[in-house]
Amino acid sequence: MEMQKVILWAALVFVLMLIWQAWQQDYGPRPPQPAASSKQQAVDGDKPAAGDELPEVPSSETPVAQVQEALESGQRIRVRTDVLDLEIDTLGGDLRRVDLPGYPVSIEQPDTPLRLMADSDGRLFVLQSGLLPADSQSTAVDHHALYSAEKSEYLLQEDQEELQVRLEWGGSEGLQVSKVFVFTRGSYAFDVRYEVTNATDGEWRGHLYHQLQRTPPVESKNIFMMHTYTGGVISGINPVTNEELRYEKIGFEDMVESPVNRDMLGGWEAMIQHYFLVATIPGQEEINHFYSKRVAQNRYVLGMVSKNAQVVPAGSSGQFGFTVYAGPKLKDELERLAPHLELTVDYGFLTILANPLFWLLQKIHALVGNWGWAIIILTIIIKLAFFPLSAASYRSMANMRKLTPRLKSIKERYADDKEGYQRAMMDLYKKEKINPLGGCLPILVQIPVFIALYWVLLESVELRQAPWIGWIKDLSIKDPYYVLPLIMGASMFAQYKLNPQPPDPLQAKIMMYMPIVFTVFFLFFPAGLVLYWVVNNVLSIAQQWYITHQMEKTG
């Protein structure tokens, strides 16, 4: 019984701690607000230099660039495909804005697309790339170079499968550079290609780089039990040791305190957030130098630059580039793009369990066409899989229930003798052949599966704005009328009544208040998660009632 008491106290403290974290996220003190815009940063004296924004080439020479006071802009070029609506700036050919028409900001604003990247309205999240000179004879065409374009707007027509947007630079006599964006119908991935034409008398040697620059989110709108990660991620292979780095998070503070400074073969870099990401993917046979830095008080850079110089001989031309993904965390599409990119759908340390659960959830959804019913069916399948363990747990609880009167009698008899009470209680368990932890251990075995499923439901963009029935219009946000949390609390109270009452009054009080505490906490859970717990509890009650009833009938 002491072990059960410890488990109960630990569960209560854990829940209270998480409730406090959720409250702090919504009502606690806010961090200092960042500057309203890059122009305001310049006014306040926080002026990043252009050289600070550029990576260092992997050689003894560092590119020289003029001082830039703020993130400036040239002409904007709008590009629309069937899944993307974005803006490219002629200054550097930066990707400055990305909207996702297929993902509205909310169900109340179905015509307002989610803005994944932007350089206005108090936030900055852009993609920059360019060519750095490998020697003093070669010209830089970095993200401060000014390009030109034939049109200011490009549209993927209904009969087109591919759309190319060409930017031209000819700022150096004899050297021409085209920066080409290649978009494909139905894809959030697109290619960025540099075409260098060298009409000079000498060879051109340079390094291709690409970097993501952004400010951290001002504040989190997430009031779930655990807050999702927003920040950088990298992946690749150590070219010397051949050791594979599958997935490493690089938080904004990490970019300053422990800057990324390593060479890697292939791989990718990304800035991720709940449900969405932007990633840049080099050729998987290339070696790049990965780096990170802070270029202003609240602006962070994560990027890579080619380790080996690209060479374009005199009178010749060359091509090189990379791939960009800007969109939702769709596991199947990410898996096809690059090794381990699907890990940006972050299930945490229980990925090995979460992956098959998500696979099964997808298969069920393909049959029923509704994510809410898919969650219900998946819960039933999990419950059936754990039926033997659950049955053993409920039989143990039923046996404990029979002993409740005798345990109370022992407690009264040894009211002033704690050691005597413990000894008499263990003798009773031994005589009746009952394991007091028999009701807890099977439940503990199932906890990893429950946690893995929690992360599947929390991280799956497929559930974002997915309706179930009636008032549940979005399974990824809380129940607007708190119906499911109240049903969940009632089901927990019913389970409390079915379980044997602990002889310890304090322990009994904890058990009695648990349904109330969990109900309050579940008010803020996404409806999809609460739906899972409701179905799981109802099935548990039915199973427990049946087993207890059968045992009482057989005596």
Protein backbone atom coordinates (compact mmCIF):
# COMPACT_ATOMS: atom_id res chain seq x y z
CA MET A 1 0.00 0.00 0.00
CA GLU A 2 2.95 2.34 0.62
CA MET A 3 3.97 1.94 -3.02
CA GLN A 4 0.45 2.78 -4.18
CA LYS A 5 0.52 5.90 -1.99
CA VAL A 6 3.81 6.99 -3.53
CA ILE A 7 2.41 6.48 -7.05
CA LEU A 8 -0.70 8.50 -6.21
CA TRP A 9 1.25 11.36 -4.68
CA ALA A 10 3.63 11.43 -7.66
CA ALA A 11 0.71 11.52 -10.10
CA LEU A 12 -0.97 14.36 -8.22
CA VAL A 13 2.20 16.46 -7.99
CA PHE A 14 2.91 15.89 -11.68
CA VAL A 15 -0.59 16.98 -12.71
CA LEU A 16 -0.49 20.07 -10.48
CA MET A 17 2.89 21.03 -11.92
CA LEU A 18 1.56 20.78 -15.48
CA ILE A 19 -1.52 22.82 -14.59
CA TRP A 20 0.77 25.51 -13.15
CA GLN A 21 2.84 25.51 -16.36
CA ALA A 22 -0.30 25.88 -18.48
CA TRP A 23 -1.52 28.75 -16.28
CA GLN A 24 1.86 30.47 -16.45
CA GLN A 25 1.84 30.20 -20.23
CA ASP A 26 -1.50 31.99 -20.42
CA TYR A 27 -1.46 34.41 -17.49
CA GLY A 28 2.10 34.53 -16.16
CA PRO A 29 4.67 37.28 -16.79
CA ARG A 30 5.56 37.83 -20.44
CA PRO A 31 9.12 38.09 -21.77
CA PRO A 32 10.23 41.48 -23.09
CA GLN A 33 8.67 42.26 -26.47
CA PRO A 34 11.00 42.32 -29.48
CA ALA A 35 11.34 45.34 -31.72
CA ALA A 36 8.34 45.95 -33.93
CA SER A 37 10.26 45.56 -37.18
CA SER A 38 13.69 45.44 -38.69
CA LYS A 39 13.48 49.18 -39.35
CA GLN A 40 12.76 49.82 -35.69
CA GLN A 41 15.79 47.72 -34.79
CA ALA A 42 17.90 50.00 -36.89
CA VAL A 43 16.47 53.08 -35.16
CA ASP A 44 17.21 51.59 -31.74
CA GLY A 45 20.85 51.14 -32.65
CA ASP A 46 20.77 47.33 -32.95
CA LYS A 47 22.29 47.33 -36.43
CA PRO A 48 23.52 44.03 -37.84
CA ALA A 49 26.25 44.41 -40.39
CA ALA A 50 25.98 42.64 -43.72
CA GLY A 51 29.17 40.80 -42.92
CA ASP A 52 27.52 39.52 -39.74
CA GLU A 53 24.63 38.06 -41.73
CA LEU A 54 26.94 36.32 -44.20
CA PRO A 55 28.58 33.00 -43.38
CA GLU A 56 32.32 32.63 -43.43
CA VAL A 57 33.59 30.63 -46.35
CA PRO A 58 35.44 27.48 -45.30
CA SER A 59 38.84 29.02 -46.04
CA SER A 60 41.22 31.59 -44.65
CA GLU A 61 39.47 34.49 -46.39
CA THR A 62 36.26 36.16 -45.23
CA PRO A 63 33.95 37.95 -47.69
CA VAL A 64 33.91 41.74 -47.44
CA ALA A 65 30.53 43.47 -47.65
CA GLN A 66 29.24 46.93 -46.95
CA VAL A 67 27.44 47.70 -43.69
CA GLN A 68 23.70 47.13 -43.83
CA GLU A 69 21.64 48.79 -41.13
CA ALA A 70 18.42 46.79 -41.56
CA LEU A 71 16.79 44.09 -43.61
CA GLU A 72 16.15 46.12 -46.72
CA SER A 73 13.92 45.32 -49.66
CA GLY A 74 13.79 45.65 -53.43
CA GLN A 75 10.88 44.78 -55.68
CA ARG A 76 8.47 42.06 -54.55
CA ILE A 77 7.58 39.20 -56.89
CA ARG A 78 4.43 37.26 -56.06
CA VAL A 79 4.27 33.56 -56.96
CA ARG A 80 1.14 31.45 -56.66
CA THR A 81 0.83 27.71 -57.12
CA ASP A 82 -2.02 25.42 -56.14
CA VAL A 83 -0.57 25.03 -52.60
CA LEU A 84 1.71 28.05 -52.08
CA ASP A 85 1.31 31.82 -52.17
CA LEU A 86 4.67 33.50 -51.65
CA GLU A 87 6.79 36.59 -52.29
CA ILE A 88 10.39 36.74 -53.46
CA ASP A 89 12.40 39.92 -53.06
CA THR A 90 14.66 41.01 -55.89
CA LEU A 91 17.19 42.02 -53.24
CA GLY A 92 19.15 38.79 -52.89
CA GLY A 93 16.28 36.74 -54.26
CA ASP A 94 15.21 36.25 -50.63
CA LEU A 95 12.07 34.29 -49.86
CA ARG A 96 10.27 36.88 -47.73
CA ARG A 97 6.69 35.61 -47.38
CA VAL A 98 4.97 32.21 -47.56
CA ASP A 99 1.22 31.72 -47.13
CA LEU A 100 -0.45 28.29 -47.15
CA PRO A 101 -3.91 28.59 -48.77
CA GLY A 102 -4.81 25.02 -47.83
CA TYR A 103 -4.30 25.77 -44.12
CA PRO A 104 -6.49 28.65 -42.85
CA VAL A 105 -5.41 30.41 -39.68
CA SER A 106 -8.61 29.18 -37.99
CA ILE A 107 -11.98 27.67 -38.78
CA GLU A 108 -13.51 31.10 -38.10
CA GLN A 109 -11.32 32.58 -40.87
CA PRO A 110 -11.44 30.00 -43.65
CA ASP A 111 -10.35 32.50 -46.30
CA THR A 112 -7.26 33.74 -44.41
CA PRO A 113 -4.28 31.45 -45.09
CA LEU A 114 -1.71 30.68 -42.43
CA ARG A 115 1.40 32.84 -42.86
CA LEU A 116 4.44 30.64 -42.36
CA MET A 117 7.16 33.15 -43.35
CA ALA A 118 7.09 36.94 -43.20
CA ASP A 119 9.23 40.05 -42.75
CA SER A 120 6.60 42.42 -41.40
CA ASP A 121 4.06 42.87 -38.59
CA GLY A 122 6.65 42.48 -35.86
CA ARG A 123 8.02 39.12 -37.04
CA LEU A 124 10.85 37.98 -39.26
CA PHE A 125 11.25 34.58 -40.88
CA VAL A 126 13.03 34.59 -44.25
CA LEU A 127 15.22 32.39 -46.43
CA GLN A 128 18.42 33.90 -47.79
CA SER A 129 20.96 32.40 -50.17
CA GLY A 130 23.81 33.42 -52.43
CA LEU A 131 27.29 32.82 -53.77
CA LEU A 132 30.39 33.78 -51.81
CA PRO A 133 33.73 34.31 -53.58
CA ALA A 134 36.39 31.68 -52.91
CA ASP A 135 39.21 34.08 -53.83
CA SER A 136 39.84 37.76 -54.43
CA GLN A 137 39.44 37.38 -58.20
CA SER A 138 35.88 36.01 -57.96
CA THR A 139 32.77 38.13 -57.52
CA ALA A 140 30.24 37.72 -54.69
CA VAL A 141 26.57 37.38 -55.57
CA ASP A 142 25.21 37.13 -52.05
CA HIS A 143 21.79 37.99 -50.56
CA HIS A 144 22.60 41.70 -50.88
CA ALA A 145 22.82 41.47 -54.68
CA LEU A 146 20.01 43.14 -56.61
CA TYR A 147 18.30 40.96 -59.22
CA SER A 148 15.75 41.82 -61.89
CA ALA A 149 12.72 39.86 -63.12
CA GLU A 150 10.55 39.97 -66.23
CA LYS A 151 7.29 40.05 -64.26
CA SER A 152 6.12 40.99 -60.80
CA GLU A 153 3.60 38.14 -60.58
CA TYR A 154 3.70 34.47 -61.59
CA LEU A 155 0.81 32.00 -61.51
CA LEU A 156 0.82 28.24 -62.02
CA GLN A 157 -1.90 27.73 -64.60
CA GLU A 158 -4.35 24.83 -64.45
CA ASP A 159 -2.69 23.10 -67.41
CA GLN A 160 0.83 23.55 -65.99
CA GLU A 161 2.73 21.01 -63.89
CA GLU A 162 5.79 23.22 -63.39
CA LEU A 163 6.43 26.94 -62.94
CA GLN A 164 9.83 28.64 -63.24
CA VAL A 165 10.62 32.07 -61.84
CA ARG A 166 13.90 33.51 -63.14
CA LEU A 167 15.83 36.35 -61.52
CA GLU A 168 18.77 37.85 -63.40
CA TRP A 169 21.94 39.48 -62.09
CA GLY A 170 24.65 41.06 -64.25
CA GLY A 171 26.44 43.36 -61.88
CA SER A 172 29.91 42.32 -62.99
CA GLU A 173 31.25 42.63 -66.52
CA GLY A 174 31.38 39.23 -68.12
CA LEU A 175 29.66 37.37 -65.26
CA GLN A 176 25.94 36.57 -65.44
CA VAL A 177 23.98 34.81 -62.68
CA SER A 178 20.41 33.53 -62.90
CA LYS A 179 18.61 32.51 -59.75
CA VAL A 180 15.79 30.17 -60.75
CA PHE A 181 12.93 28.96 -58.55
CA VAL A 182 11.23 25.81 -59.84
CA PHE A 183 7.78 24.99 -58.43
CA THR A 184 5.80 21.80 -59.02
CA ARG A 185 2.05 21.28 -58.84
CA GLY A 186 0.83 19.82 -55.55
CA SER A 187 4.19 20.12 -53.79
CA TYR A 188 5.39 22.26 -50.90
CA ALA A 189 8.94 21.49 -52.02
CA PHE A 190 10.66 23.56 -54.71
CA ASP A 191 14.16 23.90 -56.11
CA VAL A 192 16.42 26.95 -56.05
CA ARG A 193 18.99 26.80 -58.84
CA TYR A 194 21.93 29.10 -59.65
CA GLU A 195 23.06 29.27 -63.28
CA VAL A 196 26.43 31.01 -63.60
CA THR A 197 27.71 32.10 -67.02
CA ASN A 198 31.35 33.12 -66.96
CA ALA A 199 32.37 35.21 -69.96
CA THR A 200 35.48 36.60 -68.25
CA ASP A 201 39.12 35.67 -68.93
CA GLY A 202 39.54 33.78 -65.66
CA GLU A 203 37.71 31.05 -63.80
CA TRP A 204 35.07 31.91 -61.21
CA ARG A 205 35.25 30.08 -57.89
CA GLY A 206 32.60 30.44 -55.22
CA HIS A 207 30.66 28.81 -52.39
CA LEU A 208 26.90 28.34 -52.36
CA TYR A 209 25.19 29.13 -49.05
CA HIS A 210 21.61 29.20 -47.80
CA GLN A 211 20.36 30.25 -44.40
CA LEU A 212 17.13 30.67 -42.46
CA GLN A 213 16.87 33.89 -40.48
CA ARG A 214 14.05 34.48 -38.02
CA THR A 215 12.95 35.99 -34.75
CA PRO A 216 11.56 33.69 -32.05
CA PRO A 217 7.78 33.77 -31.58
CA VAL A 218 6.67 36.65 -29.36
CA GLU A 219 4.56 34.37 -27.20
CA SER A 220 3.14 30.88 -27.39
CA LYS A 221 -0.56 30.42 -28.00
CA ASN A 222 -0.30 26.78 -27.01
CA ILE A 223 -2.13 25.81 -23.82
CA PHE A 224 -1.72 22.05 -24.17
CA MET A 225 -0.19 19.88 -21.50
CA MET A 226 3.27 20.05 -23.09
CA HIS A 227 4.34 22.91 -25.30
CA THR A 228 5.65 22.07 -28.74
CA TYR A 229 9.14 23.05 -29.86
CA THR A 230 9.86 26.08 -32.04
CA GLY A 231 13.44 26.49 -33.24
CA GLY A 232 16.17 25.04 -35.40
CA VAL A 233 16.95 21.44 -36.30
CA ILE A 234 19.85 19.93 -38.25
CA SER A 235 20.72 16.52 -39.65
CA GLY A 236 23.64 15.04 -41.57
CA ILE A 237 26.66 12.72 -41.57
CA ASN A 238 30.10 13.47 -40.16
CA PRO A 239 32.34 13.12 -43.24
CA VAL A 240 35.34 12.07 -41.15
CA THR A 241 33.88 9.52 -38.74
CA ASN A 242 30.85 8.63 -40.90
CA GLU A 243 28.74 9.06 -37.75
CA GLU A 244 25.12 9.88 -38.58
CA LEU A 245 23.37 12.76 -36.87
CA ARG A 246 19.72 11.91 -37.39
CA TYR A 247 18.03 14.82 -35.64
CA GLU A 248 19.42 17.54 -33.37
CA LYS A 249 17.49 20.52 -32.04
CA ILE A 250 19.26 23.87 -32.07
CA GLY A 251 17.25 26.29 -29.93
CA PHE A 252 17.57 30.03 -30.38
CA GLU A 253 19.69 30.43 -27.27
CA ASP A 254 21.82 27.44 -28.36
CA MET A 255 22.67 29.33 -31.56
CA VAL A 256 24.47 31.87 -29.37
CA GLU A 257 25.71 29.85 -26.39
CA SER A 258 26.87 26.82 -28.42
CA PRO A 259 26.98 27.96 -32.05
CA VAL A 260 26.77 25.28 -34.73
CA ASN A 261 30.18 24.95 -36.37
CA ARG A 262 30.64 21.62 -38.12
CA ASP A 263 31.03 19.96 -41.51
CA MET A 264 28.43 17.43 -42.59
CA LEU A 265 27.72 15.28 -45.61
CA GLY A 266 24.23 15.66 -47.05
CA GLY A 267 21.58 16.20 -44.40
CA TRP A 268 19.40 19.29 -44.04
CA GLU A 269 18.59 22.27 -41.82
CA ALA A 270 15.16 23.47 -40.73
CA MET A 271 13.22 25.90 -38.60
CA ILE A 272 10.22 24.09 -37.17
CA GLN A 273 7.11 24.99 -35.21
CA HIS A 274 3.85 23.30 -34.30
CA TYR A 275 2.51 21.55 -37.43
CA PHE A 276 4.78 23.41 -39.92
CA LEU A 277 8.40 23.82 -41.00
CA VAL A 278 10.79 25.37 -43.50
CA ALA A 279 13.78 23.24 -44.47
CA THR A 280 16.66 23.61 -46.92
CA ILE A 281 18.12 20.43 -48.39
CA PRO A 282 21.47 20.32 -50.23
CA GLY A 283 22.64 17.53 -52.52
CA GLN A 284 23.09 14.45 -50.38
CA GLU A 285 26.56 13.83 -51.84
CA GLU A 286 27.79 17.33 -50.94
CA ILE A 287 29.78 18.37 -47.88
CA ASN A 288 28.58 21.61 -46.28
CA HIS A 289 29.69 23.64 -43.30
CA PHE A 290 26.75 24.14 -40.91
CA TYR A 291 26.70 27.31 -38.82
CA SER A 292 24.50 29.38 -36.54
CA LYS A 293 24.72 32.91 -35.15
CA ARG A 294 22.74 35.80 -33.73
CA VAL A 295 22.91 38.80 -36.06
CA ALA A 296 20.87 41.16 -33.89
CA GLN A 297 19.29 41.21 -30.46
CA ASN A 298 16.38 39.08 -31.56
CA ARG A 299 17.40 37.73 -34.98
CA TYR A 300 18.94 34.29 -35.36
CA VAL A 301 20.51 32.53 -38.34
CA LEU A 302 20.87 28.82 -39.06
CA GLY A 303 22.57 27.99 -42.33
CA MET A 304 25.10 26.05 -44.36
CA VAL A 305 27.79 26.90 -46.91
CA SER A 306 29.40 24.49 -49.38
CA LYS A 307 32.72 23.16 -48.12
CA ASN A 308 34.26 22.87 -51.58
CA ALA A 309 34.28 25.77 -54.01
CA GLN A 310 32.11 25.61 -57.11
CA VAL A 311 34.28 26.27 -60.18
CA VAL A 312 33.07 27.76 -63.46
CA PRO A 313 35.94 27.97 -66.02
CA ALA A 314 36.37 31.00 -68.26
CA GLY A 315 33.99 30.95 -71.21
CA SER A 316 31.84 28.28 -69.58
CA SER A 317 28.74 27.96 -67.38
CA GLY A 318 27.72 25.95 -64.33
CA GLN A 319 24.66 25.05 -62.28
CA PHE A 320 24.21 24.31 -58.58
CA GLY A 321 21.40 24.65 -56.07
CA PHE A 322 19.32 23.17 -53.28
CA THR A 323 15.76 22.21 -52.39
CA VAL A 324 13.36 24.05 -50.07
CA TYR A 325 10.36 22.67 -48.24
CA ALA A 326 7.92 25.22 -46.80
CA GLY A 327 4.70 23.73 -45.54
CA PRO A 328 2.96 21.34 -43.17
CA LYS A 329 4.65 18.39 -41.46
CA LEU A 330 3.41 15.69 -43.81
CA LYS A 331 5.41 12.60 -42.88
CA ASP A 332 5.16 10.77 -46.19
CA GLU A 333 6.28 13.76 -48.25
CA LEU A 334 9.10 14.65 -45.86
CA GLU A 335 10.36 11.08 -45.87
CA ARG A 336 10.70 11.16 -49.66
CA LEU A 337 12.69 14.41 -49.67
CA ALA A 338 15.64 13.61 -47.41
CA PRO A 339 16.78 11.04 -44.83
CA HIS A 340 15.25 11.67 -41.38
CA LEU A 341 13.40 14.82 -42.43
CA GLU A 342 10.20 13.11 -41.25
CA LEU A 343 11.59 13.32 -37.69
CA THR A 344 10.56 16.98 -37.67
CA VAL A 345 7.17 15.46 -36.81
CA ASP A 346 8.58 15.18 -33.32
CA TYR A 347 7.12 12.37 -31.24
CA GLY A 348 9.90 12.62 -28.68
CA PHE A 349 11.67 9.65 -27.13
CA LEU A 350 8.73 7.32 -27.87
CA THR A 351 8.96 7.67 -31.66
CA ILE A 352 9.44 3.92 -31.98
CA LEU A 353 5.91 3.44 -30.57
CA ALA A 354 4.36 6.57 -32.06
CA ASN A 355 5.20 5.77 -35.69
CA PRO A 356 3.17 2.54 -35.87
CA LEU A 357 0.31 4.21 -33.98
CA PHE A 358 0.19 7.04 -36.53
CA TRP A 359 0.40 4.54 -39.39
CA LEU A 360 -2.57 2.65 -37.97
CA LEU A 361 -4.49 5.88 -37.38
CA GLN A 362 -3.93 6.87 -41.02
CA LYS A 363 -5.17 3.50 -42.27
CA ILE A 364 -8.31 3.73 -40.16
CA HIS A 365 -8.96 7.27 -41.37
CA ALA A 366 -8.63 6.10 -44.97
CA LEU A 367 -11.52 3.69 -44.29
CA VAL A 368 -13.86 5.88 -42.21
CA GLY A 369 -12.99 9.34 -43.57
CA ASN A 370 -13.22 11.11 -40.18
CA TRP A 371 -10.36 11.64 -37.74
CA GLY A 372 -12.66 11.61 -34.70
CA TRP A 373 -14.05 8.16 -35.52
CA ALA A 374 -10.53 7.03 -36.41
CA ILE A 375 -9.37 8.00 -32.89
CA ILE A 376 -12.26 6.05 -31.37
CA ILE A 377 -11.53 2.92 -33.42
CA LEU A 378 -7.80 3.17 -32.65
CA THR A 379 -8.59 3.44 -28.93
CA ILE A 380 -10.71 0.30 -29.14
CA ILE A 381 -7.91 -1.58 -30.93
CA ILE A 382 -5.36 -0.51 -28.29
CA LYS A 383 -7.76 -1.53 -25.54
CA LEU A 384 -8.21 -4.96 -27.10
CA ALA A 385 -4.44 -5.37 -27.44
CA PHE A 386 -4.01 -4.69 -23.71
CA PHE A 387 -7.04 -6.72 -22.66
CA PRO A 388 -5.04 -9.47 -20.86
CA LEU A 389 -3.09 -6.92 -18.82
CA SER A 390 -6.18 -4.87 -18.04
CA ALA A 391 -8.12 -7.96 -17.04
CA ALA A 392 -5.37 -8.98 -14.61
CA SER A 393 -5.40 -5.47 -13.15
CA TYR A 394 -9.18 -5.45 -12.65
CA ARG A 395 -9.18 -8.92 -11.09
CA SER A 396 -6.56 -7.71 -8.62
CA MET A 397 -8.69 -4.65 -7.84
CA ALA A 398 -11.78 -6.84 -7.38
CA ASN A 399 -9.88 -9.03 -4.92
CA MET A 400 -8.67 -5.94 -3.08
CA ARG A 401 -12.24 -4.70 -2.91
CA LYS A 402 -13.25 -7.90 -1.08
CA LEU A 403 -10.51 -7.31 1.48
CA THR A 404 -11.48 -3.69 2.21
CA PRO A 405 -13.53 -4.45 5.36
CA ARG A 406 -10.77 -6.67 6.78
CA LEU A 407 -8.11 -4.05 6.00
CA LYS A 408 -10.13 -1.43 7.86
CA SER A 409 -10.43 -3.81 10.82
CA ILE A 410 -6.66 -4.33 10.85
CA LYS A 411 -6.08 -0.57 10.72
CA GLU A 412 -8.36 -0.03 13.70
CA ARG A 413 -6.65 -2.83 15.62
CA TYR A 414 -3.17 -1.43 14.99
CA ALA A 415 -4.08 2.27 15.14
CA ASP A 416 -0.98 3.11 17.20
CA ASP A 417 1.36 0.49 15.76
CA LYS A 418 2.38 1.33 12.21
CA GLU A 419 4.87 -1.54 11.90
CA GLY A 420 2.34 -4.00 13.28
CA TYR A 421 -0.26 -2.71 10.81
CA GLN A 422 2.11 -3.16 7.87
CA ARG A 423 3.06 -6.67 9.00
CA ALA A 424 -0.56 -7.75 9.52
CA MET A 425 -1.58 -6.30 6.17
CA MET A 426 1.19 -8.15 4.31
CA ASP A 427 0.27 -11.38 6.12
CA LEU A 428 -3.30 -10.95 4.90
CA TYR A 429 -2.13 -10.42 1.32
CA LYS A 430 0.07 -13.50 1.55
CA LYS A 431 -2.72 -15.63 2.99
CA GLU A 432 -5.20 -14.55 0.31
CA LYS A 433 -2.52 -14.76 -2.43
CA ILE A 434 -3.05 -11.16 -3.54
CA ASN A 435 -0.40 -8.86 -4.98
CA PRO A 436 -1.18 -5.32 -3.73
CA LEU A 437 0.57 -3.90 -6.80
CA GLY A 438 -1.33 -6.17 -9.16
CA GLY A 439 -3.68 -3.33 -10.06
CA CYS A 440 -0.88 -0.82 -10.67
CA LEU A 441 1.80 -2.67 -12.62
CA PRO A 442 -0.35 -3.53 -15.69
CA ILE A 443 -1.38 0.12 -15.89
CA LEU A 444 2.24 1.27 -15.67
CA VAL A 445 3.15 -1.02 -18.59
CA GLN A 446 0.55 0.74 -20.76
CA ILE A 447 1.71 4.28 -19.93
CA PRO A 448 4.38 4.47 -22.72
CA VAL A 449 1.72 3.63 -25.31
CA PHE A 450 -0.61 6.30 -23.92
CA ILE A 451 2.17 8.93 -23.98
CA ALA A 452 3.16 7.96 -27.54
CA LEU A 453 -0.45 8.28 -28.68
CA TYR A 454 -0.65 11.65 -26.94
CA TRP A 455 2.23 12.94 -29.06
CA VAL A 456 0.75 11.43 -32.22
CA LEU A 457 -2.49 13.33 -31.66
CA LEU A 458 -0.64 16.51 -30.65
CA GLU A 459 1.86 16.58 -33.53
CA SER A 460 -0.28 15.38 -36.46
CA VAL A 461 -1.13 18.29 -38.74
CA GLU A 462 -3.81 16.06 -40.26
CA LEU A 463 -5.92 16.66 -37.14
CA ARG A 464 -5.56 20.45 -37.39
CA GLN A 465 -9.05 21.91 -38.01
CA ALA A 466 -10.40 18.38 -38.53
CA PRO A 467 -14.07 18.11 -37.44
CA TRP A 468 -15.68 15.18 -35.63
CA ILE A 469 -19.41 15.59 -34.95
CA GLY A 470 -21.76 18.39 -33.91
CA TRP A 471 -20.02 21.01 -31.84
CA ILE A 472 -16.50 19.58 -32.33
CA LYS A 473 -15.36 21.51 -35.39
CA ASP A 474 -11.62 21.19 -34.71
CA LEU A 475 -10.05 18.21 -32.95
CA SER A 476 -6.77 20.08 -32.42
CA ILE A 477 -8.22 22.72 -30.06
CA LYS A 478 -10.17 22.49 -26.81
CA ASP A 479 -13.84 21.55 -26.70
CA PRO A 480 -15.62 24.94 -26.92
CA TYR A 481 -18.41 23.82 -24.56
CA TYR A 482 -16.26 21.53 -22.34
CA VAL A 483 -18.63 18.60 -22.91
CA LEU A 484 -15.88 16.01 -23.46
CA PRO A 485 -13.81 17.07 -20.41
CA LEU A 486 -16.90 16.86 -18.17
CA ILE A 487 -17.73 13.40 -19.54
CA MET A 488 -14.12 12.40 -18.95
CA GLY A 489 -14.33 13.63 -15.34
CA ALA A 490 -17.57 11.71 -14.79
CA SER A 491 -15.98 8.57 -16.18
CA MET A 492 -13.00 8.96 -13.85
CA PHE A 493 -15.36 9.34 -10.89
CA ALA A 494 -17.19 6.16 -11.95
CA GLN A 495 -13.84 4.34 -12.03
CA TYR A 496 -13.08 5.67 -8.55
CA LYS A 497 -16.33 4.18 -7.29
CA LEU A 498 -15.56 0.81 -8.88
CA ASN A 499 -12.08 0.63 -7.36
CA PRO A 500 -11.48 -0.60 -3.79
CA GLN A 501 -11.39 2.23 -1.26
CA PRO A 502 -7.95 2.62 0.38
CA PRO A 503 -7.96 2.18 4.15
CA ASP A 504 -5.71 5.23 4.51
CA PRO A 505 -7.99 8.34 4.76
CA LEU A 506 -5.41 10.61 3.10
CA GLN A 507 -4.99 8.20 0.22
CA ALA A 508 -8.77 7.92 -0.12
CA LYS A 509 -9.06 11.72 -0.32
CA ILE A 510 -6.43 11.88 -3.05
CA MET A 511 -8.32 9.24 -5.02
CA MET A 512 -11.57 11.16 -4.57
CA TYR A 513 -10.13 14.49 -5.75
CA MET A 514 -8.24 13.03 -8.72
CA PRO A 515 -11.26 13.19 -11.10
CA ILE A 516 -11.78 16.86 -10.23
CA VAL A 517 -8.12 17.77 -10.76
CA PHE A 518 -7.93 15.91 -14.07
CA THR A 519 -11.21 17.43 -15.28
CA VAL A 520 -9.92 20.96 -14.69
CA PHE A 521 -6.70 20.12 -16.46
CA PHE A 522 -8.42 18.44 -19.43
CA LEU A 523 -10.48 21.57 -20.07
CA PHE A 524 -7.45 22.88 -22.00
CA PHE A 525 -6.64 19.68 -23.88
CA PRO A 526 -7.27 19.38 -27.64
CA ALA A 527 -10.64 17.71 -28.22
CA GLY A 528 -8.96 14.81 -30.02
CA LEU A 529 -6.91 13.93 -26.94
CA VAL A 530 -9.89 14.22 -24.61
CA LEU A 531 -11.92 12.04 -26.97
CA TYR A 532 -9.28 9.34 -26.67
CA TRP A 533 -9.37 9.47 -22.85
CA VAL A 534 -13.18 9.43 -22.76
CA VAL A 535 -13.38 6.33 -24.95
CA ASN A 536 -10.57 4.65 -23.05
CA ASN A 537 -12.26 5.35 -19.69
CA VAL A 538 -15.68 4.15 -20.87
CA LEU A 539 -14.15 0.90 -22.18
CA SER A 540 -12.22 0.49 -18.91
CA ILE A 541 -15.40 0.97 -16.85
CA ALA A 542 -17.27 -1.62 -18.93
CA GLN A 543 -14.42 -4.08 -18.68
CA GLN A 544 -13.93 -3.52 -14.95
CA TRP A 545 -17.64 -3.82 -14.19
CA TYR A 546 -17.88 -7.06 -16.18
CA ILE A 547 -14.86 -8.70 -14.51
CA THR A 548 -15.96 -7.60 -11.02
CA HIS A 549 -19.50 -8.83 -11.65
CA GLN A 550 -18.24 -12.22 -12.87
CA MET A 551 -15.98 -12.62 -9.85
CA GLU A 552 -18.81 -11.76 -7.46
CA LYS A 553 -21.05 -14.33 -9.16
CA THR A 554 -18.44 -17.07 -8.81
CA GLY A 555 -17.77 -16.11 -5.19
